[in-house]
Amino acid sequence: VQLVESGGGLVQAGGSLRLSCAASGITFNVYNMGWYRQAPGKQRELVATITSGGTTNYADSVKGRFTISRDNAKNTVYLQMNSLKPEDTAVYYCNADHISGWGTAYDYWGLGTQVTVSS
């Protein structure tokens, strides 16, 4: 299983970035997908999730600015980030999770991509 994030970088406050996470080795369309982030000295936190059925959920801090989406044909989940703020600076991680009909939990993480927002 591989989750490979891309699209991070350095951007000025107010700018935009689009993160991508390409998944392989899983049946992508049955997995719930999510983006999490971890800033230096802080715990990893949820940014946004999208279920296998397409229901989305966002952290209050990013509502109205970030949009999560998925393309099951490309086994890819995206995070469109607009109106970026310096406090959005973090390593962003992709997550895939699924509970099988047998009750087995599957949970996978990517290695992360750095997002830095300058003021």
PDB file of N, CA and C in Angstrom:
ATOM      1  N   VAL A   1       0.847  -1.186   0.000  1.00  0.00           N
ATOM      2  CA  VAL A   1       0.000   0.000   0.000  1.00  0.00           C
ATOM      3  C   VAL A   1       0.882   1.235   0.000  1.00  0.00           C
ATOM      4  N   GLN A   2       0.543   2.172  -0.860  1.00  0.00           N
ATOM      5  CA  GLN A   2       1.261   3.447  -0.893  1.00  0.00           C
ATOM      6  C   GLN A   2       0.280   4.598  -1.005  1.00  0.00           C
ATOM      7  N   LEU A   3       0.522   5.610  -0.199  1.00  0.00           N
ATOM      8  CA  LEU A   3      -0.166   6.892  -0.325  1.00  0.00           C
ATOM      9  C   LEU A   3       0.913   7.932  -0.565  1.00  0.00           C
ATOM     10  N   VAL A   4       0.881   8.583  -1.705  1.00  0.00           N
ATOM     11  CA  VAL A   4       1.941   9.519  -2.073  1.00  0.00           C
ATOM     12  C   VAL A   4       1.352  10.915  -2.224  1.00  0.00           C
ATOM     13  N   GLU A   5       1.737  11.802  -1.315  1.00  0.00           N
ATOM     14  CA  GLU A   5       1.268  13.183  -1.355  1.00  0.00           C
ATOM     15  C   GLU A   5       2.160  14.020  -2.263  1.00  0.00           C
ATOM     16  N   SER A   6       1.567  15.018  -2.863  1.00  0.00           N
ATOM     17  CA  SER A   6       2.310  15.985  -3.667  1.00  0.00           C
ATOM     18  C   SER A   6       1.560  17.313  -3.664  1.00  0.00           C
ATOM     19  N   GLY A   7       2.260  18.358  -4.102  1.00  0.00           N
ATOM     20  CA  GLY A   7       1.630  19.655  -4.238  1.00  0.00           C
ATOM     21  C   GLY A   7       1.959  20.655  -3.157  1.00  0.00           C
ATOM     22  N   GLY A   8       2.712  20.221  -2.150  1.00  0.00           N
ATOM     23  CA  GLY A   8       3.095  21.158  -1.112  1.00  0.00           C
ATOM     24  C   GLY A   8       4.126  22.154  -1.617  1.00  0.00           C
ATOM     25  N   GLY A   9       4.424  23.142  -0.789  1.00  0.00           N
ATOM     26  CA  GLY A   9       5.415  24.131  -1.163  1.00  0.00           C
ATOM     27  C   GLY A   9       5.312  25.372  -0.322  1.00  0.00           C
ATOM     28  N   LEU A  10       5.970  26.415  -0.797  1.00  0.00           N
ATOM     29  CA  LEU A  10       5.999  27.716  -0.113  1.00  0.00           C
ATOM     30  C   LEU A  10       5.060  28.668  -0.851  1.00  0.00           C
ATOM     31  N   VAL A  11       4.181  29.317  -0.098  1.00  0.00           N
ATOM     32  CA  VAL A  11       3.226  30.238  -0.697  1.00  0.00           C
ATOM     33  C   VAL A  11       3.032  31.421   0.241  1.00  0.00           C
ATOM     34  N   GLN A  12       2.709  32.563  -0.317  1.00  0.00           N
ATOM     35  CA  GLN A  12       2.439  33.737   0.510  1.00  0.00           C
ATOM     36  C   GLN A  12       1.035  33.655   1.099  1.00  0.00           C
ATOM     37  N   ALA A  13       0.857  34.319   2.214  1.00  0.00           N
ATOM     38  CA  ALA A  13      -0.467  34.389   2.823  1.00  0.00           C
ATOM     39  C   ALA A  13      -1.475  34.923   1.815  1.00  0.00           C
ATOM     40  N   GLY A  14      -2.646  34.298   1.808  1.00  0.00           N
ATOM     41  CA  GLY A  14      -3.671  34.656   0.844  1.00  0.00           C
ATOM     42  C   GLY A  14      -3.636  33.827  -0.423  1.00  0.00           C
ATOM     43  N   GLY A  15      -2.569  33.083  -0.605  1.00  0.00           N
ATOM     44  CA  GLY A  15      -2.413  32.268  -1.793  1.00  0.00           C
ATOM     45  C   GLY A  15      -3.121  30.929  -1.704  1.00  0.00           C
ATOM     46  N   SER A  16      -2.912  30.122  -2.726  1.00  0.00           N
ATOM     47  CA  SER A  16      -3.576  28.822  -2.833  1.00  0.00           C
ATOM     48  C   SER A  16      -2.583  27.721  -3.172  1.00  0.00           C
ATOM     49  N   LEU A  17      -2.916  26.536  -2.742  1.00  0.00           N
ATOM     50  CA  LEU A  17      -2.197  25.324  -3.116  1.00  0.00           C
ATOM     51  C   LEU A  17      -3.208  24.201  -3.280  1.00  0.00           C
ATOM     52  N   ARG A  18      -2.859  23.239  -4.106  1.00  0.00           N
ATOM     53  CA  ARG A  18      -3.684  22.047  -4.255  1.00  0.00           C
ATOM     54  C   ARG A  18      -2.834  20.820  -3.970  1.00  0.00           C
ATOM     55  N   LEU A  19      -3.193  20.114  -2.926  1.00  0.00           N
ATOM     56  CA  LEU A  19      -2.498  18.886  -2.585  1.00  0.00           C
ATOM     57  C   LEU A  19      -3.184  17.703  -3.254  1.00  0.00           C
ATOM     58  N   SER A  20      -2.381  16.730  -3.624  1.00  0.00           N
ATOM     59  CA  SER A  20      -2.900  15.487  -4.187  1.00  0.00           C
ATOM     60  C   SER A  20      -2.339  14.314  -3.398  1.00  0.00           C
ATOM     61  N   CYS A  21      -3.105  13.259  -3.330  1.00  0.00           N
ATOM     62  CA  CYS A  21      -2.654  12.023  -2.689  1.00  0.00           C
ATOM     63  C   CYS A  21      -3.058  10.874  -3.593  1.00  0.00           C
ATOM     64  N   ALA A  22      -2.062  10.237  -4.184  1.00  0.00           N
ATOM     65  CA  ALA A  22      -2.311   9.107  -5.070  1.00  0.00           C
ATOM     66  C   ALA A  22      -2.161   7.812  -4.287  1.00  0.00           C
ATOM     67  N   ALA A  23      -3.186   6.994  -4.327  1.00  0.00           N
ATOM     68  CA  ALA A  23      -3.194   5.741  -3.568  1.00  0.00           C
ATOM     69  C   ALA A  23      -2.989   4.562  -4.501  1.00  0.00           C
ATOM     70  N   SER A  24      -2.265   3.576  -3.998  1.00  0.00           N
ATOM     71  CA  SER A  24      -2.100   2.324  -4.722  1.00  0.00           C
ATOM     72  C   SER A  24      -2.100   1.178  -3.727  1.00  0.00           C
ATOM     73  N   GLY A  25      -2.508   0.016  -4.212  1.00  0.00           N
ATOM     74  CA  GLY A  25      -2.515  -1.157  -3.347  1.00  0.00           C
ATOM     75  C   GLY A  25      -3.764  -1.325  -2.508  1.00  0.00           C
ATOM     76  N   ILE A  26      -4.731  -0.440  -2.672  1.00  0.00           N
ATOM     77  CA  ILE A  26      -6.005  -0.554  -1.961  1.00  0.00           C
ATOM     78  C   ILE A  26      -7.153  -0.428  -2.947  1.00  0.00           C
ATOM     79  N   THR A  27      -8.308  -0.927  -2.532  1.00  0.00           N
ATOM     80  CA  THR A  27      -9.516  -0.710  -3.313  1.00  0.00           C
ATOM     81  C   THR A  27     -10.029   0.672  -2.940  1.00  0.00           C
ATOM     82  N   PHE A  28      -9.565   1.653  -3.670  1.00  0.00           N
ATOM     83  CA  PHE A  28      -9.690   3.048  -3.273  1.00  0.00           C
ATOM     84  C   PHE A  28     -11.132   3.451  -2.995  1.00  0.00           C
ATOM     85  N   ASN A  29     -12.064   2.993  -3.808  1.00  0.00           N
ATOM     86  CA  ASN A  29     -13.417   3.529  -3.711  1.00  0.00           C
ATOM     87  C   ASN A  29     -14.157   3.105  -2.440  1.00  0.00           C
ATOM     88  N   VAL A  30     -13.619   2.143  -1.689  1.00  0.00           N
ATOM     89  CA  VAL A  30     -14.290   1.746  -0.452  1.00  0.00           C
ATOM     90  C   VAL A  30     -13.670   2.409   0.769  1.00  0.00           C
ATOM     91  N   TYR A  31     -12.595   3.139   0.561  1.00  0.00           N
ATOM     92  CA  TYR A  31     -11.890   3.770   1.674  1.00  0.00           C
ATOM     93  C   TYR A  31     -12.386   5.185   1.933  1.00  0.00           C
ATOM     94  N   ASN A  32     -12.493   5.514   3.203  1.00  0.00           N
ATOM     95  CA  ASN A  32     -12.621   6.903   3.616  1.00  0.00           C
ATOM     96  C   ASN A  32     -11.244   7.526   3.538  1.00  0.00           C
ATOM     97  N   MET A  33     -11.174   8.742   3.012  1.00  0.00           N
ATOM     98  CA  MET A  33      -9.893   9.409   2.839  1.00  0.00           C
ATOM     99  C   MET A  33      -9.874  10.697   3.654  1.00  0.00           C
ATOM    100  N   GLY A  34      -8.669  11.052   4.093  1.00  0.00           N
ATOM    101  CA  GLY A  34      -8.573  12.267   4.894  1.00  0.00           C
ATOM    102  C   GLY A  34      -7.243  12.956   4.756  1.00  0.00           C
ATOM    103  N   TRP A  35      -7.253  14.224   5.111  1.00  0.00           N
ATOM    104  CA  TRP A  35      -6.032  15.018   5.211  1.00  0.00           C
ATOM    105  C   TRP A  35      -5.879  15.460   6.658  1.00  0.00           C
ATOM    106  N   TYR A  36      -4.668  15.288   7.163  1.00  0.00           N
ATOM    107  CA  TYR A  36      -4.318  15.715   8.508  1.00  0.00           C
ATOM    108  C   TYR A  36      -3.070  16.578   8.402  1.00  0.00           C
ATOM    109  N   ARG A  37      -2.786  17.334   9.445  1.00  0.00           N
ATOM    110  CA  ARG A  37      -1.582  18.143   9.420  1.00  0.00           C
ATOM    111  C   ARG A  37      -0.949  18.178  10.800  1.00  0.00           C
ATOM    112  N   GLN A  38       0.354  18.419  10.785  1.00  0.00           N
ATOM    113  CA  GLN A  38       1.105  18.520  12.036  1.00  0.00           C
ATOM    114  C   GLN A  38       2.095  19.661  11.926  1.00  0.00           C
ATOM    115  N   ALA A  39       1.903  20.651  12.764  1.00  0.00           N
ATOM    116  CA  ALA A  39       2.815  21.779  12.829  1.00  0.00           C
ATOM    117  C   ALA A  39       3.909  21.470  13.847  1.00  0.00           C
ATOM    118  N   PRO A  40       5.058  22.137  13.751  1.00  0.00           N
ATOM    119  CA  PRO A  40       6.147  21.887  14.703  1.00  0.00           C
ATOM    120  C   PRO A  40       5.688  22.077  16.146  1.00  0.00           C
ATOM    121  N   GLY A  41       5.966  21.094  16.965  1.00  0.00           N
ATOM    122  CA  GLY A  41       5.620  21.176  18.378  1.00  0.00           C
ATOM    123  C   GLY A  41       4.167  20.938  18.700  1.00  0.00           C
ATOM    124  N   LYS A  42       3.386  20.570  17.703  1.00  0.00           N
ATOM    125  CA  LYS A  42       1.955  20.352  17.926  1.00  0.00           C
ATOM    126  C   LYS A  42       1.563  18.941  17.531  1.00  0.00           C
ATOM    127  N   GLN A  43       0.402  18.524  18.016  1.00  0.00           N
ATOM    128  CA  GLN A  43      -0.098  17.208  17.656  1.00  0.00           C
ATOM    129  C   GLN A  43      -0.699  17.225  16.251  1.00  0.00           C
ATOM    130  N   ARG A  44      -0.725  16.055  15.671  1.00  0.00           N
ATOM    131  CA  ARG A  44      -1.372  15.918  14.370  1.00  0.00           C
ATOM    132  C   ARG A  44      -2.868  16.176  14.538  1.00  0.00           C
ATOM    133  N   GLU A  45      -3.433  16.927  13.604  1.00  0.00           N
ATOM    134  CA  GLU A  45      -4.853  17.268  13.688  1.00  0.00           C
ATOM    135  C   GLU A  45      -5.556  17.024  12.366  1.00  0.00           C
ATOM    136  N   LEU A  46      -6.855  16.750  12.483  1.00  0.00           N
ATOM    137  CA  LEU A  46      -7.670  16.542  11.302  1.00  0.00           C
ATOM    138  C   LEU A  46      -7.868  17.849  10.559  1.00  0.00           C
ATOM    139  N   VAL A  47      -7.755  17.781   9.235  1.00  0.00           N
ATOM    140  CA  VAL A  47      -8.039  18.932   8.391  1.00  0.00           C
ATOM    141  C   VAL A  47      -9.371  18.728   7.683  1.00  0.00           C
ATOM    142  N   ALA A  48      -9.481  17.603   6.978  1.00  0.00           N
ATOM    143  CA  ALA A  48     -10.707  17.319   6.229  1.00  0.00           C
ATOM    144  C   ALA A  48     -10.767  15.838   5.917  1.00  0.00           C
ATOM    145  N   THR A  49     -11.992  15.326   5.840  1.00  0.00           N
ATOM    146  CA  THR A  49     -12.189  13.941   5.454  1.00  0.00           C
ATOM    147  C   THR A  49     -13.294  13.846   4.405  1.00  0.00           C
ATOM    148  N   ILE A  50     -13.237  12.769   3.644  1.00  0.00           N
ATOM    149  CA  ILE A  50     -14.294  12.480   2.683  1.00  0.00           C
ATOM    150  C   ILE A  50     -14.538  10.976   2.723  1.00  0.00           C
ATOM    151  N   THR A  51     -15.795  10.607   2.918  1.00  0.00           N
ATOM    152  CA  THR A  51     -16.112   9.193   3.026  1.00  0.00           C
ATOM    153  C   THR A  51     -16.130   8.539   1.645  1.00  0.00           C
ATOM    154  N   SER A  52     -16.243   7.223   1.659  1.00  0.00           N
ATOM    155  CA  SER A  52     -16.338   6.496   0.395  1.00  0.00           C
ATOM    156  C   SER A  52     -17.571   6.945  -0.387  1.00  0.00           C
ATOM    157  N   GLY A  53     -18.572   7.423   0.307  1.00  0.00           N
ATOM    158  CA  GLY A  53     -19.785   7.893  -0.346  1.00  0.00           C
ATOM    159  C   GLY A  53     -19.766   9.354  -0.728  1.00  0.00           C
ATOM    160  N   GLY A  54     -18.679  10.048  -0.373  1.00  0.00           N
ATOM    161  CA  GLY A  54     -18.527  11.434  -0.772  1.00  0.00           C
ATOM    162  C   GLY A  54     -18.920  12.469   0.261  1.00  0.00           C
ATOM    163  N   THR A  55     -19.275  12.055   1.468  1.00  0.00           N
ATOM    164  CA  THR A  55     -19.604  13.010   2.520  1.00  0.00           C
ATOM    165  C   THR A  55     -18.323  13.633   3.063  1.00  0.00           C
ATOM    166  N   THR A  56     -18.335  14.939   3.200  1.00  0.00           N
ATOM    167  CA  THR A  56     -17.140  15.655   3.638  1.00  0.00           C
ATOM    168  C   THR A  56     -17.300  16.216   5.043  1.00  0.00           C
ATOM    169  N   ASN A  57     -16.153  16.415   5.680  1.00  0.00           N
ATOM    170  CA  ASN A  57     -16.111  16.992   7.016  1.00  0.00           C
ATOM    171  C   ASN A  57     -14.853  17.833   7.111  1.00  0.00           C
ATOM    172  N   TYR A  58     -14.952  18.981   7.794  1.00  0.00           N
ATOM    173  CA  TYR A  58     -13.820  19.892   7.866  1.00  0.00           C
ATOM    174  C   TYR A  58     -13.580  20.357   9.292  1.00  0.00           C
ATOM    175  N   ALA A  59     -12.328  20.618   9.597  1.00  0.00           N
ATOM    176  CA  ALA A  59     -12.009  21.295  10.837  1.00  0.00           C
ATOM    177  C   ALA A  59     -12.547  22.724  10.755  1.00  0.00           C
ATOM    178  N   ASP A  60     -12.976  23.244  11.886  1.00  0.00           N
ATOM    179  CA  ASP A  60     -13.531  24.600  11.896  1.00  0.00           C
ATOM    180  C   ASP A  60     -12.541  25.622  11.345  1.00  0.00           C
ATOM    181  N   SER A  61     -11.259  25.387  11.585  1.00  0.00           N
ATOM    182  CA  SER A  61     -10.236  26.353  11.191  1.00  0.00           C
ATOM    183  C   SER A  61     -10.067  26.473   9.685  1.00  0.00           C
ATOM    184  N   VAL A  62     -10.568  25.508   8.925  1.00  0.00           N
ATOM    185  CA  VAL A  62     -10.380  25.541   7.467  1.00  0.00           C
ATOM    186  C   VAL A  62     -11.691  25.631   6.696  1.00  0.00           C
ATOM    187  N   LYS A  63     -12.810  25.592   7.403  1.00  0.00           N
ATOM    188  CA  LYS A  63     -14.116  25.659   6.726  1.00  0.00           C
ATOM    189  C   LYS A  63     -14.219  26.935   5.903  1.00  0.00           C
ATOM    190  N   GLY A  64     -14.690  26.779   4.687  1.00  0.00           N
ATOM    191  CA  GLY A  64     -14.847  27.921   3.799  1.00  0.00           C
ATOM    192  C   GLY A  64     -13.593  28.269   3.022  1.00  0.00           C
ATOM    193  N   ARG A  65     -12.464  27.669   3.393  1.00  0.00           N
ATOM    194  CA  ARG A  65     -11.206  27.956   2.695  1.00  0.00           C
ATOM    195  C   ARG A  65     -10.646  26.727   1.976  1.00  0.00           C
ATOM    196  N   PHE A  66     -10.847  25.544   2.570  1.00  0.00           N
ATOM    197  CA  PHE A  66     -10.307  24.312   2.000  1.00  0.00           C
ATOM    198  C   PHE A  66     -11.453  23.457   1.461  1.00  0.00           C
ATOM    199  N   THR A  67     -11.147  22.692   0.407  1.00  0.00           N
ATOM    200  CA  THR A  67     -12.120  21.770  -0.159  1.00  0.00           C
ATOM    201  C   THR A  67     -11.454  20.430  -0.435  1.00  0.00           C
ATOM    202  N   ILE A  68     -12.035  19.382   0.111  1.00  0.00           N
ATOM    203  CA  ILE A  68     -11.536  18.029  -0.147  1.00  0.00           C
ATOM    204  C   ILE A  68     -12.406  17.398  -1.225  1.00  0.00           C
ATOM    205  N   SER A  69     -11.762  16.637  -2.108  1.00  0.00           N
ATOM    206  CA  SER A  69     -12.499  15.942  -3.159  1.00  0.00           C
ATOM    207  C   SER A  69     -11.752  14.666  -3.502  1.00  0.00           C
ATOM    208  N   ARG A  70     -12.421  13.783  -4.211  1.00  0.00           N
ATOM    209  CA  ARG A  70     -11.783  12.526  -4.604  1.00  0.00           C
ATOM    210  C   ARG A  70     -12.172  12.170  -6.025  1.00  0.00           C
ATOM    211  N   ASP A  71     -11.243  11.489  -6.691  1.00  0.00           N
ATOM    212  CA  ASP A  71     -11.483  10.966  -8.028  1.00  0.00           C
ATOM    213  C   ASP A  71     -11.215   9.470  -7.970  1.00  0.00           C
ATOM    214  N   ASN A  72     -12.266   8.697  -7.873  1.00  0.00           N
ATOM    215  CA  ASN A  72     -12.100   7.253  -7.716  1.00  0.00           C
ATOM    216  C   ASN A  72     -11.493   6.618  -8.964  1.00  0.00           C
ATOM    217  N   ALA A  73     -11.694   7.209 -10.108  1.00  0.00           N
ATOM    218  CA  ALA A  73     -11.105   6.671 -11.335  1.00  0.00           C
ATOM    219  C   ALA A  73      -9.585   6.810 -11.333  1.00  0.00           C
ATOM    220  N   LYS A  74      -9.090   7.816 -10.604  1.00  0.00           N
ATOM    221  CA  LYS A  74      -7.642   8.058 -10.549  1.00  0.00           C
ATOM    222  C   LYS A  74      -7.036   7.639  -9.211  1.00  0.00           C
ATOM    223  N   ASN A  75      -7.866   7.073  -8.335  1.00  0.00           N
ATOM    224  CA  ASN A  75      -7.378   6.665  -6.995  1.00  0.00           C
ATOM    225  C   ASN A  75      -6.666   7.816  -6.292  1.00  0.00           C
ATOM    226  N   THR A  76      -7.250   8.981  -6.388  1.00  0.00           N
ATOM    227  CA  THR A  76      -6.599  10.184  -5.869  1.00  0.00           C
ATOM    228  C   THR A  76      -7.582  11.032  -5.060  1.00  0.00           C
ATOM    229  N   VAL A  77      -7.081  11.574  -3.977  1.00  0.00           N
ATOM    230  CA  VAL A  77      -7.836  12.538  -3.178  1.00  0.00           C
ATOM    231  C   VAL A  77      -7.092  13.863  -3.215  1.00  0.00           C
ATOM    232  N   TYR A  78      -7.856  14.928  -3.217  1.00  0.00           N
ATOM    233  CA  TYR A  78      -7.280  16.265  -3.349  1.00  0.00           C
ATOM    234  C   TYR A  78      -7.663  17.140  -2.158  1.00  0.00           C
ATOM    235  N   LEU A  79      -6.841  18.141  -1.923  1.00  0.00           N
ATOM    236  CA  LEU A  79      -7.186  19.173  -0.945  1.00  0.00           C
ATOM    237  C   LEU A  79      -6.860  20.518  -1.586  1.00  0.00           C
ATOM    238  N   GLN A  80      -7.893  21.235  -1.957  1.00  0.00           N
ATOM    239  CA  GLN A  80      -7.727  22.587  -2.491  1.00  0.00           C
ATOM    240  C   GLN A  80      -7.711  23.553  -1.317  1.00  0.00           C
ATOM    241  N   MET A  81      -6.623  24.294  -1.193  1.00  0.00           N
ATOM    242  CA  MET A  81      -6.451  25.201  -0.069  1.00  0.00           C
ATOM    243  C   MET A  81      -6.377  26.626  -0.589  1.00  0.00           C
ATOM    244  N   ASN A  82      -7.336  27.433  -0.224  1.00  0.00           N
ATOM    245  CA  ASN A  82      -7.387  28.841  -0.626  1.00  0.00           C
ATOM    246  C   ASN A  82      -7.255  29.737   0.596  1.00  0.00           C
ATOM    247  N   SER A  83      -6.964  30.992   0.344  1.00  0.00           N
ATOM    248  CA  SER A  83      -6.840  31.989   1.420  1.00  0.00           C
ATOM    249  C   SER A  83      -5.940  31.469   2.539  1.00  0.00           C
ATOM    250  N   LEU A  84      -4.803  30.956   2.160  1.00  0.00           N
ATOM    251  CA  LEU A  84      -3.899  30.352   3.134  1.00  0.00           C
ATOM    252  C   LEU A  84      -3.379  31.375   4.132  1.00  0.00           C
ATOM    253  N   LYS A  85      -3.188  30.895   5.358  1.00  0.00           N
ATOM    254  CA  LYS A  85      -2.704  31.725   6.445  1.00  0.00           C
ATOM    255  C   LYS A  85      -1.406  31.135   6.986  1.00  0.00           C
ATOM    256  N   PRO A  86      -0.580  31.943   7.619  1.00  0.00           N
ATOM    257  CA  PRO A  86       0.660  31.402   8.203  1.00  0.00           C
ATOM    258  C   PRO A  86       0.397  30.240   9.165  1.00  0.00           C
ATOM    259  N   GLU A  87      -0.716  30.274   9.870  1.00  0.00           N
ATOM    260  CA  GLU A  87      -1.023  29.180  10.797  1.00  0.00           C
ATOM    261  C   GLU A  87      -1.407  27.877  10.093  1.00  0.00           C
ATOM    262  N   ASP A  88      -1.531  27.891   8.782  1.00  0.00           N
ATOM    263  CA  ASP A  88      -1.744  26.658   8.026  1.00  0.00           C
ATOM    264  C   ASP A  88      -0.423  25.925   7.753  1.00  0.00           C
ATOM    265  N   THR A  89       0.679  26.551   8.110  1.00  0.00           N
ATOM    266  CA  THR A  89       1.994  25.936   7.908  1.00  0.00           C
ATOM    267  C   THR A  89       2.099  24.644   8.702  1.00  0.00           C
ATOM    268  N   ALA A  90       2.409  23.556   8.007  1.00  0.00           N
ATOM    269  CA  ALA A  90       2.476  22.238   8.647  1.00  0.00           C
ATOM    270  C   ALA A  90       2.900  21.208   7.604  1.00  0.00           C
ATOM    271  N   VAL A  91       3.183  20.011   8.085  1.00  0.00           N
ATOM    272  CA  VAL A  91       3.295  18.861   7.195  1.00  0.00           C
ATOM    273  C   VAL A  91       1.895  18.276   7.054  1.00  0.00           C
ATOM    274  N   TYR A  92       1.460  18.101   5.837  1.00  0.00           N
ATOM    275  CA  TYR A  92       0.124  17.580   5.551  1.00  0.00           C
ATOM    276  C   TYR A  92       0.224  16.105   5.163  1.00  0.00           C
ATOM    277  N   TYR A  93      -0.574  15.287   5.841  1.00  0.00           N
ATOM    278  CA  TYR A  93      -0.556  13.850   5.643  1.00  0.00           C
ATOM    279  C   TYR A  93      -1.879  13.358   5.073  1.00  0.00           C
ATOM    280  N   CYS A  94      -1.778  12.399   4.193  1.00  0.00           N
ATOM    281  CA  CYS A  94      -2.943  11.732   3.625  1.00  0.00           C
ATOM    282  C   CYS A  94      -3.230  10.457   4.431  1.00  0.00           C
ATOM    283  N   ASN A  95      -4.484  10.174   4.637  1.00  0.00           N
ATOM    284  CA  ASN A  95      -4.891   8.985   5.385  1.00  0.00           C
ATOM    285  C   ASN A  95      -5.986   8.247   4.632  1.00  0.00           C
ATOM    286  N   ALA A  96      -5.916   6.929   4.694  1.00  0.00           N
ATOM    287  CA  ALA A  96      -6.964   6.081   4.125  1.00  0.00           C
ATOM    288  C   ALA A  96      -7.402   5.082   5.193  1.00  0.00           C
ATOM    289  N   ASP A  97      -8.702   4.974   5.431  1.00  0.00           N
ATOM    290  CA  ASP A  97      -9.170   4.014   6.422  1.00  0.00           C
ATOM    291  C   ASP A  97     -10.432   3.313   5.943  1.00  0.00           C
ATOM    292  N   HIS A  98     -10.581   2.092   6.421  1.00  0.00           N
ATOM    293  CA  HIS A  98     -11.706   1.255   5.981  1.00  0.00           C
ATOM    294  C   HIS A  98     -11.915   0.153   7.002  1.00  0.00           C
ATOM    295  N   ILE A  99     -13.147  -0.178   7.267  1.00  0.00           N
ATOM    296  CA  ILE A  99     -13.473  -1.323   8.104  1.00  0.00           C
ATOM    297  C   ILE A  99     -14.199  -2.326   7.227  1.00  0.00           C
ATOM    298  N   SER A 100     -13.618  -3.525   7.131  1.00  0.00           N
ATOM    299  CA  SER A 100     -14.188  -4.540   6.259  1.00  0.00           C
ATOM    300  C   SER A 100     -15.485  -5.100   6.838  1.00  0.00           C
ATOM    301  N   GLY A 101     -16.170  -5.861   6.018  1.00  0.00           N
ATOM    302  CA  GLY A 101     -17.381  -6.507   6.495  1.00  0.00           C
ATOM    303  C   GLY A 101     -17.116  -7.476   7.636  1.00  0.00           C
ATOM    304  N   TRP A 102     -15.884  -7.916   7.760  1.00  0.00           N
ATOM    305  CA  TRP A 102     -15.499  -8.809   8.849  1.00  0.00           C
ATOM    306  C   TRP A 102     -15.130  -8.040  10.117  1.00  0.00           C
ATOM    307  N   GLY A 103     -15.110  -6.723  10.015  1.00  0.00           N
ATOM    308  CA  GLY A 103     -14.740  -5.915  11.176  1.00  0.00           C
ATOM    309  C   GLY A 103     -13.263  -5.629  11.288  1.00  0.00           C
ATOM    310  N   THR A 104     -12.501  -5.960  10.239  1.00  0.00           N
ATOM    311  CA  THR A 104     -11.070  -5.679  10.252  1.00  0.00           C
ATOM    312  C   THR A 104     -10.840  -4.227   9.858  1.00  0.00           C
ATOM    313  N   ALA A 105     -10.054  -3.545  10.663  1.00  0.00           N
ATOM    314  CA  ALA A 105      -9.764  -2.133  10.396  1.00  0.00           C
ATOM    315  C   ALA A 105      -8.472  -2.004   9.607  1.00  0.00           C
ATOM    316  N   TYR A 106      -8.531  -1.162   8.588  1.00  0.00           N
ATOM    317  CA  TYR A 106      -7.357  -0.857   7.773  1.00  0.00           C
ATOM    318  C   TYR A 106      -7.110   0.650   7.874  1.00  0.00           C
ATOM    319  N   ASP A 107      -5.871   1.020   8.100  1.00  0.00           N
ATOM    320  CA  ASP A 107      -5.528   2.428   8.308  1.00  0.00           C
ATOM    321  C   ASP A 107      -4.133   2.669   7.762  1.00  0.00           C
ATOM    322  N   TYR A 108      -4.028   3.547   6.781  1.00  0.00           N
ATOM    323  CA  TYR A 108      -2.746   3.799   6.129  1.00  0.00           C
ATOM    324  C   TYR A 108      -2.467   5.298   6.074  1.00  0.00           C
ATOM    325  N   TRP A 109      -1.156   5.616   6.113  1.00  0.00           N
ATOM    326  CA  TRP A 109      -0.710   7.011   6.081  1.00  0.00           C
ATOM    327  C   TRP A 109       0.349   7.223   5.017  1.00  0.00           C
ATOM    328  N   GLY A 110       0.326   8.408   4.428  1.00  0.00           N
ATOM    329  CA  GLY A 110       1.403   8.820   3.561  1.00  0.00           C
ATOM    330  C   GLY A 110       2.549   9.403   4.365  1.00  0.00           C
ATOM    331  N   LEU A 111       3.618   9.775   3.687  1.00  0.00           N
ATOM    332  CA  LEU A 111       4.805  10.317   4.357  1.00  0.00           C
ATOM    333  C   LEU A 111       4.707  11.817   4.592  1.00  0.00           C
ATOM    334  N   GLY A 112       3.749  12.461   3.949  1.00  0.00           N
ATOM    335  CA  GLY A 112       3.526  13.884   4.191  1.00  0.00           C
ATOM    336  C   GLY A 112       4.161  14.787   3.156  1.00  0.00           C
ATOM    337  N   THR A 113       3.602  15.983   3.071  1.00  0.00           N
ATOM    338  CA  THR A 113       4.141  17.017   2.199  1.00  0.00           C
ATOM    339  C   THR A 113       4.120  18.341   2.964  1.00  0.00           C
ATOM    340  N   GLN A 114       5.200  19.083   2.864  1.00  0.00           N
ATOM    341  CA  GLN A 114       5.338  20.319   3.646  1.00  0.00           C
ATOM    342  C   GLN A 114       4.601  21.466   2.960  1.00  0.00           C
ATOM    343  N   VAL A 115       3.819  22.176   3.740  1.00  0.00           N
ATOM    344  CA  VAL A 115       3.174  23.411   3.294  1.00  0.00           C
ATOM    345  C   VAL A 115       3.668  24.533   4.193  1.00  0.00           C
ATOM    346  N   THR A 116       4.237  25.546   3.591  1.00  0.00           N
ATOM    347  CA  THR A 116       4.735  26.704   4.337  1.00  0.00           C
ATOM    348  C   THR A 116       4.081  27.960   3.792  1.00  0.00           C
ATOM    349  N   VAL A 117       3.439  28.702   4.684  1.00  0.00           N
ATOM    350  CA  VAL A 117       2.760  29.937   4.295  1.00  0.00           C
ATOM    351  C   VAL A 117       3.485  31.098   4.945  1.00  0.00           C
ATOM    352  N   SER A 118       4.018  31.974   4.114  1.00  0.00           N
ATOM    353  CA  SER A 118       4.759  33.128   4.641  1.00  0.00           C
ATOM    354  C   SER A 118       3.827  34.323   4.807  1.00  0.00           C
ATOM    355  N   SER A 119       4.149  35.138   5.797  1.00  0.00           N
ATOM    356  CA  SER A 119       3.295  36.301   6.078  1.00  0.00           C
ATOM    357  C   SER A 119       3.748  37.529   5.313  1.00  0.00           C
TER     358      SER A 119
END
